[in-house]
Amino acid sequence: MRDDIFPFKWTEVQFVYTIAIWILIASIARILFSYLKFLTKWLPDSSLIIIVGLLLGFVLHLTSLNGASLDAEIFFLYLLPPIIFDAGYFMPNRAFFKNIDSILLFSLLGTVWNCFAIGGSLLLLSKYDVFSVQFSTFEIFIFASLVSASDPVAIIVVFEEIHVNEFLFINVFGEALFNDAISVVLYNMFISFLARDLATLNLWDYASRGLSFFVVALGGVAIGVVFAFATSLATKYTHGIKIVAPVLIFLIPYMGYLTAEMVSFSAIIAIAVCGMVMKQYVKGNITNSAANSVKYFTKIISQTSEIVIYMFLGLSTVSADHYFDVLFIAATIFFTLFYRTLGVLFQCYFLNKFRSEQFKLQDQFILAYGGLKGAIAYGLVVSIPAAVSAKPMFITTTIALIYFNVFIQGITIRPLINLLKIKTEEEKTVTMTESVYNKYLDYMMTGIEDIAGQKGHYNLVARFERFNSSILKPIFMRHQKREKNDFASVIRSYEKLILEDALEKIKNNRLNSTELNLDSFLQPGEDMEQLYTLFGEFLKKRGGIEGNGRSEDDIQDDYFAEVQAHECTNFGTELKEIENKDA
C-alpha cells in the first residue's frame, strides 16, 4: 500500500545522498571545532576531518551500511579539478614569479629525485625478501611517484595556521602545487609501462617516455594559457549579461582540464596555469560583486572536494580491506623523510650560490619537514589498477604515511618553528613601502639593473608589464586602452631624492665629525625607516592611492594575503594613522 502512494527509491539516490550527508556532517563538525579552540590550536583542520571520517566509518561498519567508494574517474574528473583550480587562482603571482627558480627546481628535480630514490631503495630491500608482498619494478615506482610529492591542500591548512613568512610559504606551496602535477605525470608514465614486458623494453622506450615527461608538462602549460585567454576574452563581452561571466570563469578552465586529459597532457598543470593567468584579466571584466561570488564559490567547491576526499580517507581506514606490512610502512616513512631532506639540502646549497635571499638552515629544515602528503596521494593510490597485486599494501601504507604527516608533522611543526626561532609573519612589521609600493620598488630595481648593465628578474618583469599593458590587456580586458609604460621619470625622481638624502646624511656626519658608515645606513633600523618614509612621501606627491575597502575577514585575493589578513588592517586606516602621527 505504501509503495503505491510514495515508493521508496533509496538505491537511485544512495550515492549522492551519502555524499551530501558526509558534507553536512563535516560542515557541522567544522563549526563545532571552531568553538573548541584547545583542539584547533594543536590539530590541523584536515586531521579533524579525518577523525570525523573515522568515526563515521566506524558507525557504518557496526551497522553494516555500505558507503560509497572512491574510484579514479570520480577523483580525477570531479574532486581534483576544483582543488587545483583554487590553488592556481589564489596563487600570489608576484611572490611566485619572484621565486620561480627555486619553485621549479624543487618541484621538478626534487620530485624526480624523491621518486627514483624512494622507489629504488624499496626495490633494493625487496630483493632481500624484507617485505611480505612482492612487487615489480614499475609497480614500486608507481607507488614511489605518488608518495614523492607534497600536497598543496595539507600545506595550506597547516601553514595558514602557523603564519609562516612569505618566503617559506611561497616556496613550499608553489612546490606542492607543481610537484603534484609532476607526480601525476610520473604516475601515468609508469602505469603505461605495466602492460609491457620489462625484457622487451629498449633504450628508445625509456627515452621516449622521458621525452614525453617534458611534452606532457609543457603541453599542459600551453593548454592552460590558451584557455585562460579564452576565458578572459569571453568575460570581456559579458557586461550586458553579467550572470554569464561567473559561469564562464568556471566552465572554460574545467573544459581546459578535460581537454588536457583528453590529449594526454598534464591536466593539473593546465588548470593551475589557467587560474594563475586569467585572474588579472577576468577581474577587470566583471563587477566587484561578481568577483566576490567567484572567490566564494571557488572556495566552496574546493573545500567541499577536500572534505569528501578526507572523509573517504577516514572511512576507508575502517571499512577497506587492509594489508599491513609494518616494515614496508616504516621503510616508506623513513625514506620519504630522508630523501626529501637530502634533496632539499643539496638544492638549497645550489640555489644559495645564485640567490640574494638565502635559504637558511632553519628554512631548509621547514622545507624538508613541511613536505606533507594528503588527499592527492590517497586519490592516486586508490586509482592504481586492480591488477597490481600489492595495491592493498600500497593503500594501507599511503594512509599510514598521510596520518603520520597530518597528525605527527602537522602537530609538531608549530613548536619546531618556535624552537628554531624561524621568522613568522607575525614578527615582521609591514612597512608602507613593503605592503603598498612593491610595484614602485620593482621599477626602481629595474633602473638599478639597467645602470649595472644586467638583465635580471626585475628587467624581465618590467618588459612583461610593458607587453601586458600595451598588447594583452587591451585585447582581453574591457575598457582597457593601449598604454605605454615609461617609468624613467619615476626612477630619475627617486634617484634625485636618494642622492639629496645621501648628501644630507654626509653633511650631518661631517658636522658631527663622524665617519659615514654605508653598511650601517643600509641596515634595517632608524635610517632605513627614514628611507621608507622618504620614498612614501615621494610617491604620495606623485599620486594618491586609495584603499581597497575590503573587510579583513573577507576572502582575500591569494593564499598569502589570507595568511596576513588577521594581522593587516585596512590600508586607509593605516595611512590615516601615519598621517596623524606625522601631523
Protein backbone atom coordinates (compact mmCIF):
# COMPACT_ATOMS: atom_id res chain seq x y z
CA MET A 1 0.00 0.00 0.00
CA ARG A 2 2.75 2.45 1.00
CA ASP A 3 4.76 1.67 -2.15
CA ASP A 4 1.78 2.58 -4.29
CA ILE A 5 1.43 6.03 -2.67
CA PHE A 6 5.07 7.06 -2.22
CA PRO A 7 7.54 4.41 -3.39
CA PHE A 8 10.89 4.36 -1.60
CA LYS A 9 13.77 4.82 -4.12
CA TRP A 10 16.84 4.76 -1.92
CA THR A 11 19.03 2.92 -4.40
CA GLU A 12 18.53 5.66 -7.01
CA VAL A 13 19.84 8.43 -4.74
CA GLN A 14 22.10 6.43 -2.43
CA PHE A 15 25.45 7.67 -3.72
CA VAL A 16 24.60 11.38 -4.00
CA TYR A 17 22.62 11.35 -0.74
CA THR A 18 25.51 9.68 1.09
CA ILE A 19 27.96 12.32 -0.13
CA ALA A 20 25.54 15.10 0.89
CA ILE A 21 25.27 13.60 4.39
CA TRP A 22 29.07 13.43 4.65
CA ILE A 23 29.45 17.07 3.66
CA LEU A 24 26.73 18.09 6.11
CA ILE A 25 28.35 16.14 8.96
CA ALA A 26 31.80 17.53 8.13
CA SER A 27 30.44 21.10 7.94
CA ILE A 28 28.71 20.78 11.31
CA ALA A 29 31.90 19.29 12.74
CA ARG A 30 33.98 22.22 11.45
CA ILE A 31 31.55 24.65 13.08
CA LEU A 32 31.90 22.78 16.37
CA PHE A 33 35.69 22.64 16.03
CA SER A 34 35.82 26.41 15.57
CA TYR A 35 34.48 26.76 19.11
CA LEU A 36 36.87 24.17 20.55
CA LYS A 37 40.00 26.32 20.50
CA PHE A 38 42.04 23.82 22.51
CA LEU A 39 41.64 21.32 19.64
CA THR A 40 42.24 23.64 16.69
CA LYS A 41 45.30 25.07 18.43
CA TRP A 42 47.10 21.74 18.01
CA LEU A 43 45.26 19.77 15.34
CA PRO A 44 45.05 20.92 11.69
CA ASP A 45 41.60 21.03 10.06
CA SER A 46 42.49 18.11 7.81
CA SER A 47 43.23 15.88 10.80
CA LEU A 48 39.90 16.80 12.40
CA ILE A 49 38.02 15.92 9.19
CA ILE A 50 39.86 12.59 9.07
CA ILE A 51 38.78 11.92 12.66
CA VAL A 52 35.15 12.62 11.68
CA GLY A 53 35.56 10.22 8.76
CA LEU A 54 36.98 7.59 11.11
CA LEU A 55 34.02 7.92 13.47
CA LEU A 56 31.53 7.81 10.60
CA GLY A 57 33.29 4.80 9.08
CA PHE A 58 33.19 3.04 12.44
CA VAL A 59 29.43 3.65 12.72
CA LEU A 60 28.83 2.40 9.18
CA HIS A 61 30.95 -0.65 9.91
CA LEU A 62 28.91 -1.50 13.03
CA THR A 63 25.59 -1.01 11.26
CA SER A 64 26.71 -2.92 8.13
CA LEU A 65 25.80 0.02 5.89
CA ASN A 66 27.65 0.25 2.61
CA GLY A 67 29.29 3.58 1.88
CA ALA A 68 30.36 4.95 -1.47
CA SER A 69 33.76 4.08 -2.88
CA LEU A 70 36.28 6.44 -4.42
CA ASP A 71 37.41 5.41 -7.88
CA ALA A 72 39.76 7.00 -10.40
CA GLU A 73 37.04 8.66 -12.50
CA ILE A 74 35.40 10.40 -9.54
CA PHE A 75 38.74 11.56 -8.18
CA PHE A 76 40.38 12.84 -11.38
CA LEU A 77 37.32 14.29 -13.13
CA TYR A 78 35.27 15.71 -10.25
CA LEU A 79 37.21 16.09 -6.99
CA LEU A 80 40.72 17.07 -8.09
CA PRO A 81 39.99 19.93 -10.58
CA PRO A 82 38.34 22.30 -8.02
CA ILE A 83 41.25 21.87 -5.59
CA ILE A 84 43.92 22.63 -8.19
CA PHE A 85 41.95 25.50 -9.76
CA ASP A 86 41.57 27.05 -6.32
CA ALA A 87 45.31 26.75 -5.72
CA GLY A 88 46.13 28.37 -9.08
CA TYR A 89 43.51 31.13 -8.89
CA PHE A 90 44.59 32.19 -5.40
CA MET A 91 48.29 31.87 -6.11
CA PRO A 92 50.17 35.05 -5.04
CA ASN A 93 51.62 35.62 -8.51
CA ARG A 94 54.14 38.30 -7.58
CA ALA A 95 55.78 36.16 -4.91
CA PHE A 96 55.51 33.09 -7.14
CA PHE A 97 57.43 34.59 -10.05
CA LYS A 98 59.94 36.17 -7.71
CA ASN A 99 60.81 32.65 -6.51
CA ILE A 100 60.16 30.82 -9.78
CA ASP A 101 63.71 29.43 -9.90
CA SER A 102 63.54 27.66 -6.55
CA ILE A 103 59.92 26.54 -7.06
CA LEU A 104 60.68 24.88 -10.40
CA LEU A 105 63.85 23.26 -9.07
CA PHE A 106 62.07 21.84 -6.01
CA SER A 107 59.01 20.68 -7.95
CA LEU A 108 60.80 19.21 -10.98
CA LEU A 109 64.19 17.94 -9.87
CA GLY A 110 63.06 17.35 -6.28
CA THR A 111 60.08 15.21 -7.27
CA VAL A 112 62.05 13.14 -9.78
CA TRP A 113 64.83 12.64 -7.22
CA ASN A 114 62.39 11.56 -4.50
CA CYS A 115 60.53 9.21 -6.84
CA PHE A 116 63.60 7.30 -8.05
CA ALA A 117 65.40 7.39 -4.69
CA ILE A 118 62.40 6.08 -2.72
CA GLY A 119 61.41 3.55 -5.38
CA GLY A 120 64.98 2.32 -5.83
CA SER A 121 65.52 1.90 -2.09
CA LEU A 122 62.28 -0.04 -1.59
CA LEU A 123 63.05 -2.18 -4.64
CA LEU A 124 66.51 -2.94 -3.26
CA LEU A 125 65.08 -4.05 0.09
CA SER A 126 62.52 -6.26 -1.65
CA LYS A 127 65.34 -8.17 -3.33
CA TYR A 128 66.32 -9.43 0.14
CA ASP A 129 62.73 -10.55 0.90
CA VAL A 130 62.31 -7.93 3.61
CA PHE A 131 58.66 -7.34 2.71
CA SER A 132 55.82 -9.86 2.77
CA VAL A 133 54.45 -8.90 -0.67
CA GLN A 134 56.50 -8.93 -3.85
CA PHE A 135 56.16 -6.26 -6.50
CA SER A 136 57.65 -5.47 -9.88
CA THR A 137 59.96 -2.58 -10.70
CA PHE A 138 57.27 -0.47 -12.32
CA GLU A 139 54.74 -1.24 -9.58
CA ILE A 140 57.01 0.12 -6.86
CA PHE A 141 57.83 3.21 -8.95
CA ILE A 142 54.09 3.84 -9.36
CA PHE A 143 53.84 3.85 -5.58
CA ALA A 144 57.01 5.96 -5.22
CA SER A 145 55.67 8.58 -7.65
CA LEU A 146 52.55 9.23 -5.59
CA VAL A 147 54.38 9.48 -2.23
CA SER A 148 57.19 11.66 -3.58
CA ALA A 149 55.14 14.86 -3.92
CA SER A 150 53.83 17.27 -1.31
CA ASP A 151 50.14 18.08 -1.11
CA PRO A 152 49.03 21.73 -1.51
CA VAL A 153 45.81 21.15 0.45
CA ALA A 154 47.59 19.79 3.51
CA ILE A 155 50.28 22.50 3.31
CA ILE A 156 47.77 25.34 3.01
CA VAL A 157 45.85 24.13 6.05
CA VAL A 158 48.95 23.81 8.24
CA PHE A 159 50.94 26.83 7.03
CA GLU A 160 47.94 29.18 7.25
CA GLU A 161 47.64 28.30 10.92
CA ILE A 162 51.32 28.84 11.82
CA HIS A 163 51.57 32.12 9.80
CA VAL A 164 54.91 31.27 8.24
CA ASN A 165 56.72 34.07 6.41
CA GLU A 166 56.09 34.72 2.72
CA PHE A 167 59.46 33.38 1.54
CA LEU A 168 58.92 29.94 3.06
CA PHE A 169 55.20 29.83 2.30
CA ILE A 170 55.50 30.51 -1.42
CA ASN A 171 58.39 28.07 -1.86
CA VAL A 172 56.63 25.21 -0.08
CA PHE A 173 53.18 25.95 -1.52
CA GLY A 174 54.44 26.64 -5.07
CA GLU A 175 56.49 23.45 -4.99
CA ALA A 176 53.49 21.46 -3.72
CA LEU A 177 51.23 22.75 -6.47
CA PHE A 178 53.55 21.84 -9.33
CA ASN A 179 55.19 18.73 -7.93
CA ASP A 180 51.72 17.20 -7.69
CA ALA A 181 51.46 17.71 -11.43
CA ILE A 182 54.93 16.22 -11.94
CA SER A 183 53.95 13.33 -9.68
CA VAL A 184 50.85 12.60 -11.76
CA VAL A 185 52.94 12.70 -14.96
CA LEU A 186 55.39 10.17 -13.46
CA TYR A 187 52.47 8.10 -12.17
CA ASN A 188 50.86 7.87 -15.62
CA MET A 189 54.23 7.18 -17.23
CA PHE A 190 54.87 4.16 -15.01
CA ILE A 191 51.26 3.00 -15.42
CA SER A 192 51.86 2.88 -19.18
CA PHE A 193 54.83 0.56 -18.60
CA LEU A 194 52.72 -2.01 -16.72
CA ALA A 195 51.31 -3.54 -19.90
CA ARG A 196 54.81 -4.03 -21.30
CA ASP A 197 57.22 -6.82 -20.50
CA LEU A 198 60.36 -5.45 -18.90
CA ALA A 199 62.53 -7.69 -21.06
CA THR A 200 61.07 -6.25 -24.28
CA LEU A 201 61.78 -2.63 -23.43
CA ASN A 202 64.66 -0.97 -25.23
CA LEU A 203 66.53 2.32 -24.91
CA TRP A 204 64.08 4.15 -27.17
CA ASP A 205 61.14 3.17 -24.95
CA TYR A 206 62.79 4.77 -21.93
CA ALA A 207 63.96 7.81 -23.93
CA SER A 208 60.51 8.37 -25.44
CA ARG A 209 58.86 8.17 -22.01
CA GLY A 210 61.43 10.62 -20.65
CA LEU A 211 60.76 12.99 -23.55
CA SER A 212 57.02 12.63 -23.06
CA PHE A 213 57.54 13.79 -19.48
CA PHE A 214 58.51 17.27 -20.75
CA VAL A 215 55.98 17.23 -23.61
CA VAL A 216 53.16 16.42 -21.20
CA ALA A 217 54.20 19.17 -18.76
CA LEU A 218 54.77 21.88 -21.40
CA GLY A 219 51.61 20.84 -23.23
CA GLY A 220 49.67 21.37 -20.00
CA VAL A 221 51.15 24.87 -19.69
CA ALA A 222 50.19 25.70 -23.29
CA ILE A 223 46.61 24.50 -22.85
CA GLY A 224 46.32 26.41 -19.58
CA VAL A 225 47.43 29.67 -21.22
CA VAL A 226 45.12 29.18 -24.24
CA PHE A 227 42.06 28.54 -22.10
CA ALA A 228 42.99 31.40 -19.74
CA PHE A 229 42.99 33.77 -22.71
CA ALA A 230 39.72 32.23 -23.93
CA THR A 231 38.13 32.82 -20.51
CA SER A 232 39.38 36.41 -20.42
CA LEU A 233 38.13 37.14 -23.93
CA ALA A 234 34.72 35.58 -23.21
CA THR A 235 34.20 37.59 -20.00
CA LYS A 236 35.17 40.79 -21.84
CA TYR A 237 31.83 40.76 -23.66
CA THR A 238 29.53 39.75 -20.77
CA HIS A 239 28.84 43.26 -19.40
CA GLY A 240 25.33 43.11 -20.92
CA ILE A 241 24.54 39.74 -19.28
CA LYS A 242 26.60 39.76 -16.09
CA ILE A 243 25.16 36.48 -14.80
CA VAL A 244 27.01 34.56 -17.52
CA ALA A 245 30.53 35.71 -16.53
CA PRO A 246 30.92 33.57 -13.36
CA VAL A 247 29.65 30.54 -15.29
CA LEU A 248 32.31 31.02 -17.96
CA ILE A 249 35.02 31.55 -15.33
CA PHE A 250 34.40 28.02 -14.01
CA LEU A 251 33.27 26.28 -17.19
CA ILE A 252 36.11 27.20 -19.58
CA PRO A 253 39.00 26.28 -17.20
CA TYR A 254 37.26 22.97 -16.49
CA MET A 255 37.00 22.37 -20.23
CA GLY A 256 40.73 23.12 -20.41
CA TYR A 257 41.30 20.45 -17.75
CA LEU A 258 39.22 17.92 -19.71
CA THR A 259 40.95 18.88 -22.97
CA ALA A 260 44.38 18.30 -21.44
CA GLU A 261 43.18 14.98 -20.06
CA MET A 262 41.80 14.04 -23.46
CA VAL A 263 45.07 14.67 -25.34
CA SER A 264 47.19 13.11 -22.53
CA PHE A 265 48.79 16.36 -21.38
CA SER A 266 49.06 17.34 -17.72
CA ALA A 267 45.53 18.38 -16.73
CA ILE A 268 46.71 19.55 -13.29
CA ILE A 269 49.27 21.96 -14.78
CA ALA A 270 46.68 23.12 -17.34
CA ILE A 271 44.01 24.16 -14.84
CA ALA A 272 46.56 25.61 -12.36
CA VAL A 273 48.20 27.77 -15.05
CA CYS A 274 44.77 28.73 -16.38
CA GLY A 275 43.74 30.04 -12.95
CA MET A 276 47.00 31.95 -12.49
CA VAL A 277 46.98 33.61 -15.93
CA MET A 278 43.31 34.51 -16.27
CA LYS A 279 42.87 36.05 -12.82
CA GLN A 280 44.17 39.56 -13.57
CA TYR A 281 42.13 39.83 -16.76
CA VAL A 282 38.76 38.46 -15.64
CA LYS A 283 38.78 40.60 -12.50
CA GLY A 284 38.84 43.66 -14.75
CA ASN A 285 35.92 42.37 -16.82
CA ILE A 286 33.45 41.63 -14.05
CA THR A 287 31.89 43.63 -11.24
CA ASN A 288 33.15 43.56 -7.67
CA SER A 289 30.13 41.56 -6.54
CA ALA A 290 30.73 39.00 -9.29
CA ALA A 291 34.43 38.82 -8.37
CA ASN A 292 33.48 38.15 -4.75
CA SER A 293 30.98 35.50 -5.86
CA VAL A 294 33.71 33.79 -7.90
CA LYS A 295 36.07 33.79 -4.91
CA TYR A 296 33.47 32.37 -2.55
CA PHE A 297 32.22 29.71 -4.96
CA THR A 298 35.80 28.67 -5.76
CA LYS A 299 36.44 28.19 -2.05
CA ILE A 300 33.16 26.33 -1.59
CA ILE A 301 33.74 23.72 -4.29
CA SER A 302 37.42 23.37 -3.39
CA GLN A 303 36.80 22.81 0.31
CA THR A 304 33.86 20.52 -0.46
CA SER A 305 36.11 18.35 -2.63
CA GLU A 306 38.75 18.40 0.08
CA ILE A 307 36.20 17.35 2.71
CA VAL A 308 34.91 14.49 0.55
CA ILE A 309 38.44 13.15 -0.06
CA TYR A 310 39.41 13.33 3.60
CA MET A 311 36.12 11.71 4.58
CA PHE A 312 36.84 8.91 2.10
CA LEU A 313 40.27 8.60 3.73
CA GLY A 314 38.79 8.25 7.21
CA LEU A 315 36.08 5.86 6.01
CA SER A 316 38.47 3.64 4.11
CA THR A 317 40.67 3.31 7.20
CA VAL A 318 37.81 1.44 8.91
CA SER A 319 35.93 -0.17 6.03
CA ALA A 320 38.60 -1.03 3.44
CA ASP A 321 40.47 -4.30 3.29
CA HIS A 322 43.98 -3.52 4.52
CA TYR A 323 47.22 -5.37 4.24
CA PHE A 324 49.64 -4.32 6.96
CA ASP A 325 53.34 -4.74 6.40
CA VAL A 326 54.97 -2.87 9.28
CA LEU A 327 58.42 -2.99 7.73
CA PHE A 328 57.16 -1.60 4.42
CA ILE A 329 55.28 1.20 6.21
CA ALA A 330 58.31 2.08 8.36
CA ALA A 331 60.67 1.99 5.39
CA THR A 332 58.36 4.22 3.33
CA ILE A 333 58.05 6.85 6.08
CA PHE A 334 61.82 6.82 6.68
CA PHE A 335 62.78 7.07 3.00
CA THR A 336 60.29 9.86 2.25
CA LEU A 337 61.70 11.96 5.11
CA PHE A 338 65.35 11.07 4.49
CA TYR A 339 65.44 11.61 0.73
CA ARG A 340 63.36 14.79 0.87
CA THR A 341 65.74 16.22 3.47
CA LEU A 342 68.75 15.20 1.42
CA GLY A 343 67.26 16.68 -1.75
CA VAL A 344 66.35 19.97 -0.04
CA LEU A 345 69.87 20.36 1.40
CA PHE A 346 71.59 19.87 -1.97
CA GLN A 347 69.10 22.02 -3.90
CA CYS A 348 69.32 24.86 -1.36
CA TYR A 349 73.13 24.66 -1.44
CA PHE A 350 72.97 25.12 -5.21
CA LEU A 351 70.36 27.89 -5.08
CA ASN A 352 72.21 29.85 -2.39
CA LYS A 353 75.10 30.35 -4.81
CA PHE A 354 72.90 32.43 -7.12
CA ARG A 355 70.19 33.96 -4.91
CA SER A 356 70.29 37.20 -2.96
CA GLU A 357 67.70 35.84 -0.50
CA GLN A 358 69.37 32.81 1.02
CA PHE A 359 67.81 29.63 2.36
CA LYS A 360 68.98 29.49 5.96
CA LEU A 361 69.46 26.16 7.71
CA GLN A 362 66.23 26.65 9.65
CA ASP A 363 64.38 27.39 6.40
CA GLN A 364 65.76 24.23 4.85
CA PHE A 365 64.53 22.20 7.81
CA ILE A 366 60.98 23.53 7.41
CA LEU A 367 61.13 22.94 3.65
CA ALA A 368 62.07 19.32 4.31
CA TYR A 369 59.76 18.77 7.28
CA GLY A 370 56.83 20.60 5.68
CA GLY A 371 56.53 18.28 2.68
CA LEU A 372 53.18 16.89 3.82
CA LYS A 373 51.22 14.23 1.96
CA GLY A 374 47.46 14.39 1.75
CA ALA A 375 44.36 14.00 -0.38
CA ILE A 376 46.03 13.73 -3.78
CA ALA A 377 48.34 10.90 -2.73
CA TYR A 378 45.32 8.98 -1.43
CA GLY A 379 43.33 9.65 -4.60
CA LEU A 380 46.19 8.34 -6.74
CA VAL A 381 46.80 5.20 -4.72
CA VAL A 382 43.16 4.07 -4.85
CA SER A 383 43.32 4.64 -8.62
CA ILE A 384 46.10 2.06 -9.09
CA PRO A 385 44.85 -0.72 -11.40
CA ALA A 386 43.41 -3.74 -9.57
CA ALA A 387 45.86 -5.97 -11.47
CA VAL A 388 48.66 -4.70 -9.21
CA SER A 389 48.86 -7.41 -6.53
CA ALA A 390 50.49 -5.08 -3.98
CA LYS A 391 47.69 -2.48 -4.23
CA PRO A 392 46.15 -3.27 -0.77
CA MET A 393 49.59 -2.85 0.85
CA PHE A 394 50.16 0.39 -1.07
CA ILE A 395 46.79 1.79 0.06
CA THR A 396 47.41 0.90 3.71
CA THR A 397 50.92 2.36 3.61
CA THR A 398 49.73 5.59 1.96
CA ILE A 399 47.04 6.05 4.62
CA ALA A 400 49.64 5.44 7.35
CA LEU A 401 52.01 7.95 5.70
CA ILE A 402 49.25 10.59 5.46
CA TYR A 403 48.34 10.03 9.10
CA PHE A 404 51.98 10.43 10.08
CA ASN A 405 52.25 13.66 8.04
CA VAL A 406 48.96 15.20 9.13
CA PHE A 407 48.99 14.20 12.79
CA ILE A 408 52.67 13.93 13.78
CA GLN A 409 54.27 16.52 11.48
CA GLY A 410 51.22 18.78 11.35
CA ILE A 411 51.06 18.95 15.15
CA THR A 412 54.80 19.33 15.80
CA ILE A 413 55.67 21.86 13.07
CA ARG A 414 54.42 24.85 15.09
CA PRO A 415 56.53 24.05 18.21
CA LEU A 416 59.53 23.37 15.97
CA ILE A 417 59.18 26.75 14.27
CA ASN A 418 59.09 28.42 17.68
CA LEU A 419 62.03 26.35 18.89
CA LEU A 420 64.16 27.18 15.86
CA LYS A 421 63.13 30.85 16.08
CA ILE A 422 62.10 30.90 12.43
CA LYS A 423 60.73 34.26 11.36
CA THR A 424 56.97 34.24 11.01
CA GLU A 425 54.77 36.90 9.51
CA GLU A 426 53.56 37.92 12.97
CA GLU A 427 57.05 39.02 13.93
CA LYS A 428 57.50 41.29 10.92
CA THR A 429 56.35 44.88 10.91
CA VAL A 430 54.93 45.52 7.47
CA THR A 431 56.04 48.96 6.33
CA MET A 432 54.15 51.15 3.89
CA THR A 433 56.80 50.53 1.24
CA GLU A 434 56.58 46.75 1.57
CA SER A 435 52.80 46.47 1.69
CA VAL A 436 51.75 49.15 -0.81
CA TYR A 437 54.64 50.26 -3.01
CA ASN A 438 56.10 46.93 -4.11
CA LYS A 439 55.31 47.80 -7.69
CA TYR A 440 57.28 51.03 -7.48
CA LEU A 441 60.21 49.24 -5.87
CA ASP A 442 60.18 46.83 -8.82
CA TYR A 443 60.52 49.79 -11.16
CA MET A 444 63.38 51.17 -9.07
CA MET A 445 65.18 47.81 -9.15
CA THR A 446 64.70 47.71 -12.91
CA GLY A 447 66.51 51.03 -13.13
CA ILE A 448 69.32 49.74 -10.93
CA GLU A 449 69.70 46.65 -13.14
CA ASP A 450 69.86 48.92 -16.20
CA ILE A 451 72.52 51.08 -14.57
CA ALA A 452 74.50 47.97 -13.64
CA GLY A 453 74.17 46.64 -17.19
CA GLN A 454 72.34 43.46 -16.11
CA LYS A 455 69.17 41.86 -17.45
CA GLY A 456 67.83 40.20 -14.33
CA HIS A 457 64.48 39.30 -12.81
CA TYR A 458 63.19 42.86 -12.45
CA ASN A 459 64.12 43.73 -16.01
CA LEU A 460 62.13 40.74 -17.29
CA VAL A 461 59.17 41.72 -15.13
CA ALA A 462 59.28 45.28 -16.47
CA ARG A 463 59.40 44.02 -20.07
CA PHE A 464 56.40 41.78 -19.44
CA GLU A 465 54.50 44.64 -17.78
CA ARG A 466 55.05 46.80 -20.85
CA PHE A 467 53.92 43.98 -23.16
CA ASN A 468 50.97 43.23 -20.89
CA SER A 469 49.81 46.86 -20.76
CA SER A 470 50.28 47.60 -24.45
CA ILE A 471 49.15 44.29 -26.02
CA LEU A 472 47.44 41.75 -23.74
CA LYS A 473 45.26 43.92 -21.51
CA PRO A 474 43.67 45.86 -24.41
CA ILE A 475 42.81 42.52 -26.05
CA PHE A 476 41.44 40.65 -23.04
CA MET A 477 40.07 43.42 -20.80
CA ARG A 478 37.12 45.71 -21.26
CA HIS A 479 37.71 49.49 -21.16
CA GLN A 480 41.46 48.91 -21.31
CA LYS A 481 43.32 51.12 -23.76
CA ARG A 482 46.81 50.67 -25.06
CA GLU A 483 49.31 52.17 -22.67
CA LYS A 484 52.97 52.89 -22.90
CA ASN A 485 54.65 52.43 -19.55
CA ASP A 486 57.50 54.87 -19.14
CA PHE A 487 58.95 54.69 -15.67
CA ALA A 488 62.08 56.67 -16.44
CA SER A 489 60.69 59.79 -14.74
CA VAL A 490 59.84 57.79 -11.61
CA ILE A 491 63.32 56.33 -11.45
CA ARG A 492 65.00 59.69 -12.08
CA SER A 493 62.90 61.41 -9.41
CA TYR A 494 63.68 58.67 -6.92
CA GLU A 495 67.40 58.82 -7.73
CA LYS A 496 67.31 62.57 -7.13
CA LEU A 497 65.64 62.21 -3.73
CA ILE A 498 68.00 59.45 -2.65
CA LEU A 499 71.06 61.47 -3.69
CA GLU A 500 69.75 64.50 -1.81
CA ASP A 501 69.15 62.37 1.27
CA ALA A 502 72.62 60.82 0.97
CA LEU A 503 74.26 64.27 0.65
CA GLU A 504 72.35 65.47 3.69
CA LYS A 505 73.49 62.37 5.57
CA ILE A 506 77.13 63.03 4.64
CA LYS A 507 76.81 66.68 5.61
CA ASN A 508 75.39 65.82 9.02
CA ASN A 509 78.10 63.22 9.65
CA ARG A 510 80.83 65.72 8.76
CA LEU A 511 79.35 68.29 11.11
CA ASN A 512 79.37 65.70 13.84
CA SER A 513 82.96 64.70 12.95
CA THR A 514 81.97 61.09 12.49
CA GLU A 515 82.82 58.78 9.62
CA LEU A 516 79.99 57.73 7.35
CA ASN A 517 79.30 54.00 7.62
CA LEU A 518 77.41 52.93 4.49
CA ASP A 519 76.75 49.43 5.83
CA SER A 520 75.01 50.74 8.91
CA PHE A 521 72.98 53.12 6.76
CA LEU A 522 71.68 50.22 4.68
CA GLN A 523 70.82 48.04 7.69
CA PRO A 524 67.20 47.87 8.85
CA GLY A 525 66.62 50.37 11.62
CA GLU A 526 66.06 54.06 12.10
CA ASP A 527 67.84 55.16 8.90
CA MET A 528 66.02 52.57 6.78
CA GLU A 529 62.72 53.70 8.23
CA GLN A 530 63.62 57.25 7.21
CA LEU A 531 64.33 55.93 3.72
CA TYR A 532 60.92 54.23 3.63
CA THR A 533 59.24 57.42 4.79
CA LEU A 534 61.10 59.46 2.18
CA PHE A 535 60.06 57.08 -0.59
CA GLY A 536 56.48 57.05 0.69
CA GLU A 537 56.28 60.83 0.69
CA PHE A 538 57.74 60.91 -2.81
CA LEU A 539 55.09 58.52 -4.13
CA LYS A 540 52.29 60.33 -2.33
CA LYS A 541 53.33 63.51 -4.13
CA ARG A 542 53.27 61.72 -7.48
CA GLY A 543 49.73 60.39 -6.96
CA GLY A 544 47.35 59.24 -4.28
CA ILE A 545 46.47 55.66 -3.50
CA GLU A 546 43.10 54.53 -2.28
CA GLY A 547 42.40 51.60 -0.02
CA ASN A 548 40.54 48.62 -1.36
CA GLY A 549 37.83 48.82 1.28
CA ARG A 550 37.80 45.05 1.79
CA SER A 551 36.89 43.74 5.19
CA GLU A 552 39.81 41.95 6.78
CA ASP A 553 37.70 38.84 7.45
CA ASP A 554 36.70 38.59 3.77
CA ILE A 555 38.23 36.04 1.39
CA GLN A 556 41.45 37.55 0.10
CA ASP A 557 42.81 37.57 -3.45
CA ASP A 558 45.54 34.99 -2.82
CA TYR A 559 46.64 32.49 -0.20
CA PHE A 560 49.39 34.58 1.35
CA ALA A 561 47.03 37.53 1.70
CA GLU A 562 44.71 35.20 3.65
CA VAL A 563 47.58 34.33 5.98
CA GLN A 564 48.24 38.03 6.54
CA ALA A 565 44.59 39.07 6.77
CA HIS A 566 44.29 38.72 10.53
CA GLU A 567 47.42 40.85 11.04
CA CYS A 568 46.95 43.61 8.43
CA THR A 569 44.49 46.47 8.94
CA ASN A 570 42.75 48.32 6.17
CA PHE A 571 45.28 50.45 4.30
CA GLY A 572 43.16 53.56 4.54
CA THR A 573 43.17 53.29 8.34
CA GLU A 574 46.93 52.68 8.38
CA LEU A 575 47.60 55.66 6.12
CA LYS A 576 45.39 57.87 8.26
CA GLU A 577 47.25 56.81 11.41
CA ILE A 578 50.60 57.58 9.76
CA GLU A 579 49.38 60.98 8.62
CA ASN A 580 48.07 61.77 12.12
CA LYS A 581 51.39 60.69 13.62
CA ASP A 582 53.32 62.92 11.19
CA ALA A 583 51.00 65.81 11.97
